[in-house]
Amino acid sequence: MSEQIIRVANERGVWLMAIPMVVIVVVQALLYCRLAFRAADKIGFPREKCWRGFRAGAITAIGPCLAIFIVMMGMMAVIGAPITWLRLSVIGAAPTELTAATVGAQAYGVEFGSPKYDMMALATSWWTMAINGVGWLLLVAIIGKYLEGMREKMGGGDPAWLAVISGAAMLGCFAYLNSSSILAGGPRLVAAVTGGVSMVIFLNIAKRATWLREYCLGIAMIIGIVAAAMM
């Protein structure tokens, strides 16, 4: 891969294209937080608990952010910093974006980041990443507002049954996401098992030390990452 590709991928024009999109994402996050606090005030939910949940979410995000950061550094070396920053800010799924960039290069007939990776391969990777993200963004925009109604119809208006459906859906999603790691074996299996066991241990400790509860997931993720890296 030539230095020209890296120079083009990091040109000022590409940065000017990426910055507005990232700013929009930041603004959306701030607006969402403001709406959440306003909703809490309307229903009388204490601000102290809101900030506690906000802090727990921030801490829990440390584990996934470390994984995204590692993939981001590798992608920046091939497709440039601005596009990597843009894609991971909008979508946030590092493995998905890396896979899309790799598939684009392979569709062009070269390996991602190989010496044969030229300007056309770079353009193909960029287009594949963009097209790959269109599907679910359109789906959310079109039917997102109807999903809550569908969930209530499935639950028949029973809060307990709604909780069971939501919990089962979440467990199914996480089980599906972890299945490939478990079947792959090696470091990925170590990360999944170590993280899961750590989570169970910390949740039991948190029954006595309640202050630890909001940190359990973040700590378990970090332990899983460290265990996999050591292997």
C-alpha atoms as a PDB file:
ATOM      1  CA  MET A   1       0.000   0.000   0.000  1.00  0.00           C
ATOM      2  CA  SER A   2       1.515   3.308  -1.106  1.00  0.00           C
ATOM      3  CA  GLU A   3       1.937   6.481   0.917  1.00  0.00           C
ATOM      4  CA  GLN A   4      -0.213   8.280  -1.654  1.00  0.00           C
ATOM      5  CA  ILE A   5      -3.280   6.358  -0.512  1.00  0.00           C
ATOM      6  CA  ILE A   6      -2.739   7.379   3.107  1.00  0.00           C
ATOM      7  CA  ARG A   7      -2.191  10.979   2.032  1.00  0.00           C
ATOM      8  CA  VAL A   8      -5.420  11.037   0.004  1.00  0.00           C
ATOM      9  CA  ALA A   9      -7.375   9.237   2.741  1.00  0.00           C
ATOM     10  CA  ASN A  10      -6.337  11.922   5.241  1.00  0.00           C
ATOM     11  CA  GLU A  11      -6.806  14.987   3.028  1.00  0.00           C
ATOM     12  CA  ARG A  12      -8.463  18.124   4.376  1.00  0.00           C
ATOM     13  CA  GLY A  13     -11.553  17.583   2.214  1.00  0.00           C
ATOM     14  CA  VAL A  14     -12.221  14.198   3.796  1.00  0.00           C
ATOM     15  CA  TRP A  15     -11.867  15.732   7.262  1.00  0.00           C
ATOM     16  CA  LEU A  16     -14.322  18.502   6.316  1.00  0.00           C
ATOM     17  CA  MET A  17     -16.798  15.821   5.230  1.00  0.00           C
ATOM     18  CA  ALA A  18     -16.400  13.775   8.421  1.00  0.00           C
ATOM     19  CA  ILE A  19     -16.492  16.551  11.037  1.00  0.00           C
ATOM     20  CA  PRO A  20     -20.133  17.676  10.455  1.00  0.00           C
ATOM     21  CA  MET A  21     -21.389  14.099  10.771  1.00  0.00           C
ATOM     22  CA  VAL A  22     -19.524  13.551  14.019  1.00  0.00           C
ATOM     23  CA  VAL A  23     -20.829  16.877  15.368  1.00  0.00           C
ATOM     24  CA  ILE A  24     -24.387  15.763  14.546  1.00  0.00           C
ATOM     25  CA  VAL A  25     -23.841  12.537  16.509  1.00  0.00           C
ATOM     26  CA  VAL A  26     -22.568  14.502  19.531  1.00  0.00           C
ATOM     27  CA  VAL A  27     -25.521  16.902  19.363  1.00  0.00           C
ATOM     28  CA  GLN A  28     -27.965  13.987  19.144  1.00  0.00           C
ATOM     29  CA  ALA A  29     -26.411  12.385  22.225  1.00  0.00           C
ATOM     30  CA  LEU A  30     -26.702  15.651  24.191  1.00  0.00           C
ATOM     31  CA  LEU A  31     -30.321  16.138  23.105  1.00  0.00           C
ATOM     32  CA  TYR A  32     -31.139  12.575  24.117  1.00  0.00           C
ATOM     33  CA  CYS A  33     -29.640  13.176  27.569  1.00  0.00           C
ATOM     34  CA  ARG A  34     -31.655  16.373  27.952  1.00  0.00           C
ATOM     35  CA  LEU A  35     -34.874  14.597  26.983  1.00  0.00           C
ATOM     36  CA  ALA A  36     -34.107  11.801  29.440  1.00  0.00           C
ATOM     37  CA  PHE A  37     -33.627  14.237  32.324  1.00  0.00           C
ATOM     38  CA  ARG A  38     -36.812  16.112  31.382  1.00  0.00           C
ATOM     39  CA  ALA A  39     -38.773  12.849  31.319  1.00  0.00           C
ATOM     40  CA  ALA A  40     -37.332  11.951  34.735  1.00  0.00           C
ATOM     41  CA  ASP A  41     -38.494  15.289  36.139  1.00  0.00           C
ATOM     42  CA  LYS A  42     -42.005  14.740  34.768  1.00  0.00           C
ATOM     43  CA  ILE A  43     -42.415  11.353  36.444  1.00  0.00           C
ATOM     44  CA  GLY A  44     -40.664  12.427  39.647  1.00  0.00           C
ATOM     45  CA  PHE A  45     -37.593  10.256  39.184  1.00  0.00           C
ATOM     46  CA  PRO A  46     -34.725  11.553  41.389  1.00  0.00           C
ATOM     47  CA  ARG A  47     -31.864  13.330  39.646  1.00  0.00           C
ATOM     48  CA  GLU A  48     -29.442  11.454  41.905  1.00  0.00           C
ATOM     49  CA  LYS A  49     -30.524   8.122  40.405  1.00  0.00           C
ATOM     50  CA  CYS A  50     -30.304   9.611  36.893  1.00  0.00           C
ATOM     51  CA  TRP A  51     -26.689  10.594  37.431  1.00  0.00           C
ATOM     52  CA  ARG A  52     -25.977   7.215  39.005  1.00  0.00           C
ATOM     53  CA  GLY A  53     -27.300   5.482  35.880  1.00  0.00           C
ATOM     54  CA  PHE A  54     -25.362   7.905  33.661  1.00  0.00           C
ATOM     55  CA  ARG A  55     -22.158   7.107  35.550  1.00  0.00           C
ATOM     56  CA  ALA A  56     -22.807   3.363  35.370  1.00  0.00           C
ATOM     57  CA  GLY A  57     -23.321   3.587  31.601  1.00  0.00           C
ATOM     58  CA  ALA A  58     -20.118   5.573  31.153  1.00  0.00           C
ATOM     59  CA  ILE A  59     -18.124   3.035  33.153  1.00  0.00           C
ATOM     60  CA  THR A  60     -19.722   0.092  31.350  1.00  0.00           C
ATOM     61  CA  ALA A  61     -18.754   1.655  28.013  1.00  0.00           C
ATOM     62  CA  ILE A  62     -15.034   1.446  28.861  1.00  0.00           C
ATOM     63  CA  GLY A  63     -14.771  -2.227  27.864  1.00  0.00           C
ATOM     64  CA  PRO A  64     -16.377  -1.898  24.401  1.00  0.00           C
ATOM     65  CA  CYS A  65     -14.473   1.360  23.800  1.00  0.00           C
ATOM     66  CA  LEU A  66     -11.140  -0.397  24.329  1.00  0.00           C
ATOM     67  CA  ALA A  67     -12.035  -3.010  21.712  1.00  0.00           C
ATOM     68  CA  ILE A  68     -13.229  -0.322  19.274  1.00  0.00           C
ATOM     69  CA  PHE A  69     -10.058   1.708  19.853  1.00  0.00           C
ATOM     70  CA  ILE A  70      -7.832  -1.247  18.961  1.00  0.00           C
ATOM     71  CA  VAL A  71      -9.723  -1.919  15.709  1.00  0.00           C
ATOM     72  CA  MET A  72      -9.823   1.812  14.956  1.00  0.00           C
ATOM     73  CA  MET A  73      -6.035   2.109  15.046  1.00  0.00           C
ATOM     74  CA  GLY A  74      -5.706  -0.701  12.501  1.00  0.00           C
ATOM     75  CA  MET A  75      -8.347   0.765  10.194  1.00  0.00           C
ATOM     76  CA  MET A  76      -6.821   4.255  10.339  1.00  0.00           C
ATOM     77  CA  ALA A  77      -3.546   2.860   8.985  1.00  0.00           C
ATOM     78  CA  VAL A  78      -5.327   1.565   5.868  1.00  0.00           C
ATOM     79  CA  ILE A  79      -8.410   3.682   5.063  1.00  0.00           C
ATOM     80  CA  GLY A  80      -7.450   6.919   6.838  1.00  0.00           C
ATOM     81  CA  ALA A  81      -8.368   8.616  10.102  1.00  0.00           C
ATOM     82  CA  PRO A  82     -11.372  10.761   9.048  1.00  0.00           C
ATOM     83  CA  ILE A  83     -13.440   7.961   7.481  1.00  0.00           C
ATOM     84  CA  THR A  84     -12.627   5.625  10.370  1.00  0.00           C
ATOM     85  CA  TRP A  85     -13.635   8.322  12.857  1.00  0.00           C
ATOM     86  CA  LEU A  86     -16.834   9.025  10.899  1.00  0.00           C
ATOM     87  CA  ARG A  87     -17.945   5.410  10.558  1.00  0.00           C
ATOM     88  CA  LEU A  88     -17.232   4.412  14.150  1.00  0.00           C
ATOM     89  CA  SER A  89     -18.975   7.556  15.427  1.00  0.00           C
ATOM     90  CA  VAL A  90     -22.137   6.941  13.420  1.00  0.00           C
ATOM     91  CA  ILE A  91     -22.338   3.140  13.673  1.00  0.00           C
ATOM     92  CA  GLY A  92     -19.956   2.256  16.498  1.00  0.00           C
ATOM     93  CA  ALA A  93     -19.594  -1.400  15.457  1.00  0.00           C
ATOM     94  CA  ALA A  94     -15.876  -1.817  14.830  1.00  0.00           C
ATOM     95  CA  PRO A  95     -16.015  -5.477  13.681  1.00  0.00           C
ATOM     96  CA  THR A  96     -18.837  -4.657  11.244  1.00  0.00           C
ATOM     97  CA  GLU A  97     -16.984  -1.711   9.744  1.00  0.00           C
ATOM     98  CA  LEU A  98     -13.729  -3.651   9.466  1.00  0.00           C
ATOM     99  CA  THR A  99     -15.574  -6.527   7.807  1.00  0.00           C
ATOM    100  CA  ALA A 100     -17.251  -4.149   5.344  1.00  0.00           C
ATOM    101  CA  ALA A 101     -13.925  -2.539   4.426  1.00  0.00           C
ATOM    102  CA  THR A 102     -12.347  -5.982   3.986  1.00  0.00           C
ATOM    103  CA  VAL A 103     -15.237  -7.281   1.857  1.00  0.00           C
ATOM    104  CA  GLY A 104     -14.993  -4.181  -0.321  1.00  0.00           C
ATOM    105  CA  ALA A 105     -11.301  -4.774  -0.942  1.00  0.00           C
ATOM    106  CA  GLN A 106     -11.891  -8.456  -1.689  1.00  0.00           C
ATOM    107  CA  ALA A 107     -14.704  -7.574  -4.096  1.00  0.00           C
ATOM    108  CA  TYR A 108     -12.207  -5.417  -5.953  1.00  0.00           C
ATOM    109  CA  GLY A 109      -9.814  -8.377  -6.026  1.00  0.00           C
ATOM    110  CA  VAL A 110      -7.162  -7.484  -3.424  1.00  0.00           C
ATOM    111  CA  GLU A 111      -6.589  -8.109   0.252  1.00  0.00           C
ATOM    112  CA  PHE A 112      -7.326  -5.324   2.714  1.00  0.00           C
ATOM    113  CA  GLY A 113      -4.099  -3.409   3.450  1.00  0.00           C
ATOM    114  CA  SER A 114      -1.972  -5.497   1.085  1.00  0.00           C
ATOM    115  CA  PRO A 115       0.656  -3.967  -1.251  1.00  0.00           C
ATOM    116  CA  LYS A 116      -1.897  -4.228  -4.095  1.00  0.00           C
ATOM    117  CA  TYR A 117      -4.407  -2.125  -2.173  1.00  0.00           C
ATOM    118  CA  ASP A 118      -4.668   0.947  -4.430  1.00  0.00           C
ATOM    119  CA  MET A 119      -6.933   4.002  -4.824  1.00  0.00           C
ATOM    120  CA  MET A 120      -9.753   2.018  -6.454  1.00  0.00           C
ATOM    121  CA  ALA A 121      -9.623  -0.537  -3.638  1.00  0.00           C
ATOM    122  CA  LEU A 122      -9.802   2.304  -1.104  1.00  0.00           C
ATOM    123  CA  ALA A 123     -12.842   3.767  -2.864  1.00  0.00           C
ATOM    124  CA  THR A 124     -14.484   0.326  -2.957  1.00  0.00           C
ATOM    125  CA  SER A 125     -13.917  -0.110   0.786  1.00  0.00           C
ATOM    126  CA  TRP A 126     -15.417   3.309   1.494  1.00  0.00           C
ATOM    127  CA  TRP A 127     -18.486   2.605  -0.637  1.00  0.00           C
ATOM    128  CA  THR A 128     -18.998  -0.832   0.912  1.00  0.00           C
ATOM    129  CA  MET A 129     -18.878   0.649   4.413  1.00  0.00           C
ATOM    130  CA  ALA A 130     -21.394   3.338   3.456  1.00  0.00           C
ATOM    131  CA  ILE A 131     -23.844   0.980   1.729  1.00  0.00           C
ATOM    132  CA  ASN A 132     -23.528  -1.548   4.571  1.00  0.00           C
ATOM    133  CA  GLY A 133     -24.869   1.027   7.054  1.00  0.00           C
ATOM    134  CA  VAL A 134     -27.829   2.193   4.957  1.00  0.00           C
ATOM    135  CA  GLY A 135     -30.096  -0.794   5.659  1.00  0.00           C
ATOM    136  CA  TRP A 136     -30.607  -0.517   9.388  1.00  0.00           C
ATOM    137  CA  LEU A 137     -30.607   3.294   9.356  1.00  0.00           C
ATOM    138  CA  LEU A 138     -33.531   3.271   6.891  1.00  0.00           C
ATOM    139  CA  LEU A 139     -35.249   0.509   8.853  1.00  0.00           C
ATOM    140  CA  VAL A 140     -35.093   2.509  12.081  1.00  0.00           C
ATOM    141  CA  ALA A 141     -36.289   5.684  10.346  1.00  0.00           C
ATOM    142  CA  ILE A 142     -39.259   3.923   8.726  1.00  0.00           C
ATOM    143  CA  ILE A 143     -40.551   1.481  11.342  1.00  0.00           C
ATOM    144  CA  GLY A 144     -38.773   2.556  14.544  1.00  0.00           C
ATOM    145  CA  LYS A 145     -41.813   4.421  15.889  1.00  0.00           C
ATOM    146  CA  TYR A 146     -44.002   1.314  15.494  1.00  0.00           C
ATOM    147  CA  LEU A 147     -41.769  -1.082  17.451  1.00  0.00           C
ATOM    148  CA  GLU A 148     -43.072  -0.129  20.906  1.00  0.00           C
ATOM    149  CA  GLY A 149     -46.647  -0.726  19.761  1.00  0.00           C
ATOM    150  CA  MET A 150     -45.672  -4.119  18.372  1.00  0.00           C
ATOM    151  CA  ARG A 151     -43.997  -5.003  21.659  1.00  0.00           C
ATOM    152  CA  GLU A 152     -47.108  -4.054  23.646  1.00  0.00           C
ATOM    153  CA  LYS A 153     -49.366  -6.101  21.363  1.00  0.00           C
ATOM    154  CA  MET A 154     -47.108  -9.122  21.756  1.00  0.00           C
ATOM    155  CA  GLY A 155     -47.235  -8.744  25.547  1.00  0.00           C
ATOM    156  CA  GLY A 156     -50.994  -8.236  25.664  1.00  0.00           C
ATOM    157  CA  GLY A 157     -50.605  -5.220  27.965  1.00  0.00           C
ATOM    158  CA  ASP A 158     -49.258  -7.344  30.832  1.00  0.00           C
ATOM    159  CA  PRO A 159     -46.183  -5.595  32.344  1.00  0.00           C
ATOM    160  CA  ALA A 160     -44.754  -8.880  33.655  1.00  0.00           C
ATOM    161  CA  TRP A 161     -45.069 -10.569  30.256  1.00  0.00           C
ATOM    162  CA  LEU A 162     -43.570  -7.511  28.550  1.00  0.00           C
ATOM    163  CA  ALA A 163     -40.569  -7.763  30.877  1.00  0.00           C
ATOM    164  CA  VAL A 164     -40.187 -11.462  30.010  1.00  0.00           C
ATOM    165  CA  ILE A 165     -40.335 -10.739  26.255  1.00  0.00           C
ATOM    166  CA  SER A 166     -37.835  -7.876  26.511  1.00  0.00           C
ATOM    167  CA  GLY A 167     -35.476  -9.936  28.665  1.00  0.00           C
ATOM    168  CA  ALA A 168     -35.704 -12.950  26.352  1.00  0.00           C
ATOM    169  CA  ALA A 169     -35.002 -10.770  23.307  1.00  0.00           C
ATOM    170  CA  MET A 170     -31.962  -9.246  24.996  1.00  0.00           C
ATOM    171  CA  LEU A 171     -30.629 -12.652  26.073  1.00  0.00           C
ATOM    172  CA  GLY A 172     -31.133 -13.965  22.546  1.00  0.00           C
ATOM    173  CA  CYS A 173     -29.233 -11.035  21.025  1.00  0.00           C
ATOM    174  CA  PHE A 174     -26.282 -11.369  23.391  1.00  0.00           C
ATOM    175  CA  ALA A 175     -26.238 -15.165  23.007  1.00  0.00           C
ATOM    176  CA  TYR A 176     -26.141 -14.791  19.229  1.00  0.00           C
ATOM    177  CA  LEU A 177     -23.337 -12.235  19.431  1.00  0.00           C
ATOM    178  CA  ASN A 178     -21.319 -14.486  21.761  1.00  0.00           C
ATOM    179  CA  SER A 179     -21.978 -17.729  19.869  1.00  0.00           C
ATOM    180  CA  SER A 180     -19.316 -17.043  17.239  1.00  0.00           C
ATOM    181  CA  SER A 181     -16.725 -16.314  19.948  1.00  0.00           C
ATOM    182  CA  ILE A 182     -17.586 -19.477  21.861  1.00  0.00           C
ATOM    183  CA  LEU A 183     -17.494 -21.663  18.736  1.00  0.00           C
ATOM    184  CA  ALA A 184     -14.244 -20.071  17.527  1.00  0.00           C
ATOM    185  CA  GLY A 185     -12.379 -21.119  20.659  1.00  0.00           C
ATOM    186  CA  GLY A 186      -8.976 -19.695  21.540  1.00  0.00           C
ATOM    187  CA  PRO A 187      -8.707 -16.147  22.940  1.00  0.00           C
ATOM    188  CA  ARG A 188     -12.282 -15.266  21.993  1.00  0.00           C
ATOM    189  CA  LEU A 189     -13.626 -18.193  24.006  1.00  0.00           C
ATOM    190  CA  VAL A 190     -11.368 -17.216  26.911  1.00  0.00           C
ATOM    191  CA  ALA A 191     -12.710 -13.637  26.771  1.00  0.00           C
ATOM    192  CA  ALA A 192     -16.352 -14.789  26.731  1.00  0.00           C
ATOM    193  CA  VAL A 193     -15.979 -17.341  29.540  1.00  0.00           C
ATOM    194  CA  THR A 194     -13.734 -15.177  31.740  1.00  0.00           C
ATOM    195  CA  GLY A 195     -15.989 -12.146  31.303  1.00  0.00           C
ATOM    196  CA  GLY A 196     -19.123 -14.190  32.065  1.00  0.00           C
ATOM    197  CA  VAL A 197     -17.652 -15.837  35.178  1.00  0.00           C
ATOM    198  CA  SER A 198     -16.322 -12.473  36.378  1.00  0.00           C
ATOM    199  CA  MET A 199     -19.763 -10.930  35.935  1.00  0.00           C
ATOM    200  CA  VAL A 200     -21.400 -13.646  38.045  1.00  0.00           C
ATOM    201  CA  ILE A 201     -18.763 -13.262  40.786  1.00  0.00           C
ATOM    202  CA  PHE A 202     -19.037  -9.470  40.916  1.00  0.00           C
ATOM    203  CA  LEU A 203     -22.847  -9.551  40.926  1.00  0.00           C
ATOM    204  CA  ASN A 204     -22.753 -11.832  43.966  1.00  0.00           C
ATOM    205  CA  ILE A 205     -20.279  -9.514  45.690  1.00  0.00           C
ATOM    206  CA  ALA A 206     -22.513  -6.545  44.781  1.00  0.00           C
ATOM    207  CA  LYS A 207     -25.355  -8.059  46.804  1.00  0.00           C
ATOM    208  CA  ARG A 208     -23.375  -7.051  49.891  1.00  0.00           C
ATOM    209  CA  ALA A 209     -21.417  -4.124  48.442  1.00  0.00           C
ATOM    210  CA  THR A 210     -24.238  -2.396  46.558  1.00  0.00           C
ATOM    211  CA  TRP A 211     -21.944   0.417  45.371  1.00  0.00           C
ATOM    212  CA  LEU A 212     -20.156  -2.137  43.155  1.00  0.00           C
ATOM    213  CA  ARG A 213     -23.269  -3.023  41.154  1.00  0.00           C
ATOM    214  CA  GLU A 214     -22.944  -0.265  38.569  1.00  0.00           C
ATOM    215  CA  TYR A 215     -19.297  -1.155  37.886  1.00  0.00           C
ATOM    216  CA  CYS A 216     -19.769  -4.938  37.458  1.00  0.00           C
ATOM    217  CA  LEU A 217     -20.236  -5.078  33.690  1.00  0.00           C
ATOM    218  CA  GLY A 218     -17.376  -2.695  32.903  1.00  0.00           C
ATOM    219  CA  ILE A 219     -14.946  -4.556  35.185  1.00  0.00           C
ATOM    220  CA  ALA A 220     -16.009  -7.952  33.769  1.00  0.00           C
ATOM    221  CA  MET A 221     -15.418  -6.716  30.213  1.00  0.00           C
ATOM    222  CA  ILE A 222     -11.951  -5.452  31.044  1.00  0.00           C
ATOM    223  CA  ILE A 223     -11.064  -8.753  32.759  1.00  0.00           C
ATOM    224  CA  GLY A 224     -12.242 -10.685  29.672  1.00  0.00           C
ATOM    225  CA  ILE A 225     -10.158  -8.470  27.361  1.00  0.00           C
ATOM    226  CA  VAL A 226      -7.061  -8.789  29.533  1.00  0.00           C
ATOM    227  CA  ALA A 227      -7.446 -12.582  29.791  1.00  0.00           C
ATOM    228  CA  ALA A 228      -7.769 -12.916  26.010  1.00  0.00           C
ATOM    229  CA  ALA A 229      -4.761 -10.633  25.433  1.00  0.00           C
ATOM    230  CA  MET A 230      -2.641 -12.640  27.870  1.00  0.00           C
ATOM    231  CA  MET A 231      -3.502 -15.838  26.038  1.00  0.00           C
END
